[in-house]
Amino acid sequence: MTRTIYRMAGLSAILALAACNTVNGAGKDLKSAGTAVSDAAGSDKK
């Protein structure tokens, strides 16, 4: 019984850490895409 609980806790921790890294990476990608669009829009105004 306790082995199952430890396994589930470990699996949950691994999944939580993987999700954090995925969301962090997606946020960085969106930020760089937004910067590129903003730069492109700014260069047209000049």
PDB file of N, CA and C in Angstrom:
ATOM      1  N   MET A   1       0.825  -1.198   0.000  1.00  0.00           N
ATOM      2  CA  MET A   1       0.000   0.000   0.000  1.00  0.00           C
ATOM      3  C   MET A   1       0.872   1.267   0.000  1.00  0.00           C
ATOM      4  N   THR A   2       1.882   1.287   0.860  1.00  0.00           N
ATOM      5  CA  THR A   2       2.717   2.484   0.933  1.00  0.00           C
ATOM      6  C   THR A   2       3.572   2.641  -0.326  1.00  0.00           C
ATOM      7  N   ARG A   3       3.945   1.526  -0.951  1.00  0.00           N
ATOM      8  CA  ARG A   3       4.703   1.618  -2.202  1.00  0.00           C
ATOM      9  C   ARG A   3       3.870   2.308  -3.271  1.00  0.00           C
ATOM     10  N   THR A   4       2.604   1.973  -3.327  1.00  0.00           N
ATOM     11  CA  THR A   4       1.711   2.587  -4.317  1.00  0.00           C
ATOM     12  C   THR A   4       1.581   4.078  -4.072  1.00  0.00           C
ATOM     13  N   ILE A   5       1.488   4.465  -2.827  1.00  0.00           N
ATOM     14  CA  ILE A   5       1.377   5.884  -2.484  1.00  0.00           C
ATOM     15  C   ILE A   5       2.653   6.623  -2.869  1.00  0.00           C
ATOM     16  N   TYR A   6       3.810   6.034  -2.578  1.00  0.00           N
ATOM     17  CA  TYR A   6       5.081   6.662  -2.951  1.00  0.00           C
ATOM     18  C   TYR A   6       5.236   6.757  -4.460  1.00  0.00           C
ATOM     19  N   ARG A   7       4.819   5.725  -5.165  1.00  0.00           N
ATOM     20  CA  ARG A   7       4.901   5.758  -6.624  1.00  0.00           C
ATOM     21  C   ARG A   7       3.998   6.839  -7.202  1.00  0.00           C
ATOM     22  N   MET A   8       2.802   6.941  -6.689  1.00  0.00           N
ATOM     23  CA  MET A   8       1.866   7.957  -7.173  1.00  0.00           C
ATOM     24  C   MET A   8       2.367   9.366  -6.850  1.00  0.00           C
ATOM     25  N   ALA A   9       2.946   9.546  -5.681  1.00  0.00           N
ATOM     26  CA  ALA A   9       3.496  10.853  -5.312  1.00  0.00           C
ATOM     27  C   ALA A   9       4.672  11.213  -6.212  1.00  0.00           C
ATOM     28  N   GLY A  10       5.532  10.254  -6.493  1.00  0.00           N
ATOM     29  CA  GLY A  10       6.663  10.507  -7.372  1.00  0.00           C
ATOM     30  C   GLY A  10       6.220  10.822  -8.792  1.00  0.00           C
ATOM     31  N   LEU A  11       5.253  10.077  -9.289  1.00  0.00           N
ATOM     32  CA  LEU A  11       4.727  10.323 -10.629  1.00  0.00           C
ATOM     33  C   LEU A  11       4.066  11.695 -10.710  1.00  0.00           C
ATOM     34  N   SER A  12       3.334  12.059  -9.684  1.00  0.00           N
ATOM     35  CA  SER A  12       2.697  13.374  -9.652  1.00  0.00           C
ATOM     36  C   SER A  12       3.733  14.491  -9.651  1.00  0.00           C
ATOM     37  N   ALA A  13       4.797  14.317  -8.905  1.00  0.00           N
ATOM     38  CA  ALA A  13       5.859  15.331  -8.860  1.00  0.00           C
ATOM     39  C   ALA A  13       6.535  15.472 -10.212  1.00  0.00           C
ATOM     40  N   ILE A  14       6.801  14.365 -10.864  1.00  0.00           N
ATOM     41  CA  ILE A  14       7.444  14.407 -12.185  1.00  0.00           C
ATOM     42  C   ILE A  14       6.536  15.101 -13.187  1.00  0.00           C
ATOM     43  N   LEU A  15       5.264  14.776 -13.188  1.00  0.00           N
ATOM     44  CA  LEU A  15       4.330  15.406 -14.120  1.00  0.00           C
ATOM     45  C   LEU A  15       4.176  16.901 -13.844  1.00  0.00           C
ATOM     46  N   ALA A  16       4.168  17.272 -12.587  1.00  0.00           N
ATOM     47  CA  ALA A  16       4.047  18.690 -12.243  1.00  0.00           C
ATOM     48  C   ALA A  16       5.271  19.471 -12.713  1.00  0.00           C
ATOM     49  N   LEU A  17       6.441  18.918 -12.534  1.00  0.00           N
ATOM     50  CA  LEU A  17       7.658  19.596 -12.981  1.00  0.00           C
ATOM     51  C   LEU A  17       7.712  19.688 -14.502  1.00  0.00           C
ATOM     52  N   ALA A  18       7.284  18.658 -15.178  1.00  0.00           N
ATOM     53  CA  ALA A  18       7.273  18.677 -16.644  1.00  0.00           C
ATOM     54  C   ALA A  18       6.282  19.713 -17.153  1.00  0.00           C
ATOM     55  N   ALA A  19       5.147  19.829 -16.500  1.00  0.00           N
ATOM     56  CA  ALA A  19       4.142  20.813 -16.919  1.00  0.00           C
ATOM     57  C   ALA A  19       4.657  22.231 -16.712  1.00  0.00           C
ATOM     58  N   CYS A  20       5.368  22.472 -15.635  1.00  0.00           N
ATOM     59  CA  CYS A  20       5.919  23.806 -15.391  1.00  0.00           C
ATOM     60  C   CYS A  20       6.910  24.190 -16.481  1.00  0.00           C
ATOM     61  N   ASN A  21       7.760  23.270 -16.858  1.00  0.00           N
ATOM     62  CA  ASN A  21       8.742  23.561 -17.899  1.00  0.00           C
ATOM     63  C   ASN A  21       8.058  23.797 -19.238  1.00  0.00           C
ATOM     64  N   THR A  22       7.009  23.048 -19.510  1.00  0.00           N
ATOM     65  CA  THR A  22       6.297  23.207 -20.774  1.00  0.00           C
ATOM     66  C   THR A  22       5.617  24.563 -20.843  1.00  0.00           C
ATOM     67  N   VAL A  23       4.956  24.960 -19.782  1.00  0.00           N
ATOM     68  CA  VAL A  23       4.271  26.249 -19.751  1.00  0.00           C
ATOM     69  C   VAL A  23       5.286  27.387 -19.814  1.00  0.00           C
ATOM     70  N   ASN A  24       6.400  27.234 -19.136  1.00  0.00           N
ATOM     71  CA  ASN A  24       7.456  28.250 -19.169  1.00  0.00           C
ATOM     72  C   ASN A  24       7.988  28.411 -20.585  1.00  0.00           C
ATOM     73  N   GLY A  25       8.237  27.316 -21.265  1.00  0.00           N
ATOM     74  CA  GLY A  25       8.732  27.370 -22.635  1.00  0.00           C
ATOM     75  C   GLY A  25       7.714  27.997 -23.580  1.00  0.00           C
ATOM     76  N   ALA A  26       6.456  27.653 -23.395  1.00  0.00           N
ATOM     77  CA  ALA A  26       5.413  28.232 -24.248  1.00  0.00           C
ATOM     78  C   ALA A  26       5.309  29.732 -24.013  1.00  0.00           C
ATOM     79  N   GLY A  27       5.456  30.165 -22.790  1.00  0.00           N
ATOM     80  CA  GLY A  27       5.424  31.599 -22.488  1.00  0.00           C
ATOM     81  C   GLY A  27       6.567  32.340 -23.157  1.00  0.00           C
ATOM     82  N   LYS A  28       7.734  31.746 -23.157  1.00  0.00           N
ATOM     83  CA  LYS A  28       8.883  32.371 -23.822  1.00  0.00           C
ATOM     84  C   LYS A  28       8.665  32.445 -25.326  1.00  0.00           C
ATOM     85  N   ASP A  29       8.088  31.390 -25.909  1.00  0.00           N
ATOM     86  CA  ASP A  29       7.815  31.389 -27.347  1.00  0.00           C
ATOM     87  C   ASP A  29       6.810  32.474 -27.707  1.00  0.00           C
ATOM     88  N   LEU A  30       5.760  32.606 -26.909  1.00  0.00           N
ATOM     89  CA  LEU A  30       4.754  33.633 -27.181  1.00  0.00           C
ATOM     90  C   LEU A  30       5.340  35.033 -27.035  1.00  0.00           C
ATOM     91  N   LYS A  31       6.204  35.203 -26.049  1.00  0.00           N
ATOM     92  CA  LYS A  31       6.820  36.509 -25.850  1.00  0.00           C
ATOM     93  C   LYS A  31       7.703  36.879 -27.038  1.00  0.00           C
ATOM     94  N   SER A  32       8.489  35.926 -27.530  1.00  0.00           N
ATOM     95  CA  SER A  32       9.363  36.224 -28.667  1.00  0.00           C
ATOM     96  C   SER A  32       8.542  36.481 -29.923  1.00  0.00           C
ATOM     97  N   ALA A  33       7.441  35.773 -30.102  1.00  0.00           N
ATOM     98  CA  ALA A  33       6.575  36.013 -31.257  1.00  0.00           C
ATOM     99  C   ALA A  33       5.935  37.396 -31.165  1.00  0.00           C
ATOM    100  N   GLY A  34       5.509  37.782 -29.979  1.00  0.00           N
ATOM    101  CA  GLY A  34       4.928  39.109 -29.787  1.00  0.00           C
ATOM    102  C   GLY A  34       5.939  40.210 -30.037  1.00  0.00           C
ATOM    103  N   THR A  35       7.163  39.988 -29.615  1.00  0.00           N
ATOM    104  CA  THR A  35       8.222  40.968 -29.856  1.00  0.00           C
ATOM    105  C   THR A  35       8.496  41.115 -31.349  1.00  0.00           C
ATOM    106  N   ALA A  36       8.504  40.007 -32.057  1.00  0.00           N
ATOM    107  CA  ALA A  36       8.752  40.048 -33.503  1.00  0.00           C
ATOM    108  C   ALA A  36       7.638  40.802 -34.219  1.00  0.00           C
ATOM    109  N   VAL A  37       6.396  40.559 -33.829  1.00  0.00           N
ATOM    110  CA  VAL A  37       5.266  41.262 -34.442  1.00  0.00           C
ATOM    111  C   VAL A  37       5.325  42.748 -34.106  1.00  0.00           C
ATOM    112  N   SER A  38       5.650  43.067 -32.868  1.00  0.00           N
ATOM    113  CA  SER A  38       5.745  44.453 -32.466  1.00  0.00           C
ATOM    114  C   SER A  38       6.860  45.179 -33.216  1.00  0.00           C
ATOM    115  N   ASP A  39       7.988  44.521 -33.375  1.00  0.00           N
ATOM    116  CA  ASP A  39       9.102  45.115 -34.120  1.00  0.00           C
ATOM    117  C   ASP A  39       8.731  45.327 -35.588  1.00  0.00           C
ATOM    118  N   ALA A  40       8.037  44.369 -36.167  1.00  0.00           N
ATOM    119  CA  ALA A  40       7.628  44.486 -37.561  1.00  0.00           C
ATOM    120  C   ALA A  40       6.629  45.642 -37.743  1.00  0.00           C
ATOM    121  N   ALA A  41       5.723  45.771 -36.811  1.00  0.00           N
ATOM    122  CA  ALA A  41       4.742  46.862 -36.881  1.00  0.00           C
ATOM    123  C   ALA A  41       5.429  48.212 -36.695  1.00  0.00           C
ATOM    124  N   GLY A  42       6.420  48.278 -35.829  1.00  0.00           N
ATOM    125  CA  GLY A  42       7.150  49.517 -35.589  1.00  0.00           C
ATOM    126  C   GLY A  42       7.992  49.930 -36.773  1.00  0.00           C
ATOM    127  N   SER A  43       8.526  48.972 -37.503  1.00  0.00           N
ATOM    128  CA  SER A  43       9.364  49.325 -38.648  1.00  0.00           C
ATOM    129  C   SER A  43       8.529  49.859 -39.809  1.00  0.00           C
ATOM    130  N   ASP A  44       7.269  49.498 -39.905  1.00  0.00           N
ATOM    131  CA  ASP A  44       6.392  49.995 -40.956  1.00  0.00           C
ATOM    132  C   ASP A  44       5.993  51.456 -40.707  1.00  0.00           C
ATOM    133  N   LYS A  45       5.936  51.831 -39.445  1.00  0.00           N
ATOM    134  CA  LYS A  45       5.514  53.202 -39.105  1.00  0.00           C
ATOM    135  C   LYS A  45       6.604  54.223 -39.397  1.00  0.00           C
ATOM    136  N   LYS A  46       7.843  53.794 -39.442  1.00  0.00           N
ATOM    137  CA  LYS A  46       8.957  54.732 -39.610  1.00  0.00           C
ATOM    138  C   LYS A  46       9.044  55.189 -40.995  1.00  0.00           C
TER     139      LYS A  46
END
